[in-house]
Amino acid sequence: MSYSDRTKFRKKYIYPLLDAGIIQMTIPEKPNSRNQKYQLTAKGLELIEHLKSNK
């Protein structure tokens, strides 16, 4: 997404998706780890399928 400011990117995109339960952290006990990644939850997968079916 080519954002240079990680803090703003997290506040605008990552945290709302986490709060909505669409994504989850791979290392939840270390949220600021440099190895942190995110994966879709079941709810996130359902959302993608719903969006695909409505095209």
Protein backbone atom coordinates (compact mmCIF):
# COMPACT_ATOMS: atom_id res chain seq x y z
CA MET A 1 0.00 0.00 0.00
CA SER A 2 3.12 2.14 -0.06
CA TYR A 3 2.63 3.95 3.25
CA SER A 4 5.83 5.18 4.85
CA ASP A 5 4.31 5.92 8.25
CA ARG A 6 3.58 2.60 9.97
CA THR A 7 1.72 4.18 12.88
CA LYS A 8 -0.87 5.84 10.65
CA PHE A 9 -1.24 2.67 8.58
CA ARG A 10 -1.88 0.62 11.72
CA LYS A 11 -4.40 3.12 13.10
CA LYS A 12 -6.27 3.52 9.82
CA TYR A 13 -6.31 -0.07 8.53
CA ILE A 14 -4.91 -2.74 10.84
CA TYR A 15 -6.60 -1.85 14.15
CA PRO A 16 -10.11 -1.50 12.66
CA LEU A 17 -9.76 -4.89 10.94
CA LEU A 18 -8.52 -6.46 14.17
CA ASP A 19 -11.39 -4.91 16.15
CA ALA A 20 -13.92 -6.16 13.60
CA GLY A 21 -12.50 -9.68 13.83
CA ILE A 22 -11.61 -9.85 10.14
CA ILE A 23 -7.89 -10.42 10.71
CA GLN A 24 -5.83 -11.76 13.60
CA MET A 25 -2.21 -11.49 14.66
CA THR A 26 0.07 -14.48 14.20
CA ILE A 27 1.98 -13.52 17.39
CA PRO A 28 -0.69 -11.94 19.62
CA GLU A 29 1.51 -11.97 22.74
CA LYS A 30 4.04 -9.71 20.95
CA PRO A 31 2.01 -7.17 18.94
CA ASN A 32 5.06 -5.03 18.11
CA SER A 33 7.29 -7.89 16.99
CA ARG A 34 9.15 -7.30 13.76
CA ASN A 35 8.01 -10.78 12.73
CA GLN A 36 4.33 -9.97 13.27
CA LYS A 37 2.02 -11.00 10.47
CA TYR A 38 -1.73 -11.06 10.09
CA GLN A 39 -4.07 -13.70 8.77
CA LEU A 40 -7.73 -13.76 7.85
CA THR A 41 -10.18 -15.18 10.35
CA ALA A 42 -13.21 -17.25 9.40
CA LYS A 43 -15.20 -14.01 9.44
CA GLY A 44 -12.69 -12.45 7.03
CA LEU A 45 -12.91 -15.41 4.67
CA GLU A 46 -16.71 -15.19 4.73
CA LEU A 47 -16.50 -11.49 3.89
CA ILE A 48 -14.26 -12.18 0.89
CA GLU A 49 -16.58 -14.91 -0.38
CA HIS A 50 -19.56 -12.58 0.04
CA LEU A 51 -17.79 -9.81 -1.87
CA LYS A 52 -16.83 -12.23 -4.67
CA SER A 53 -20.38 -13.51 -5.03
CA ASN A 54 -21.79 -9.99 -5.32
CA LYS A 55 -19.69 -9.02 -8.35
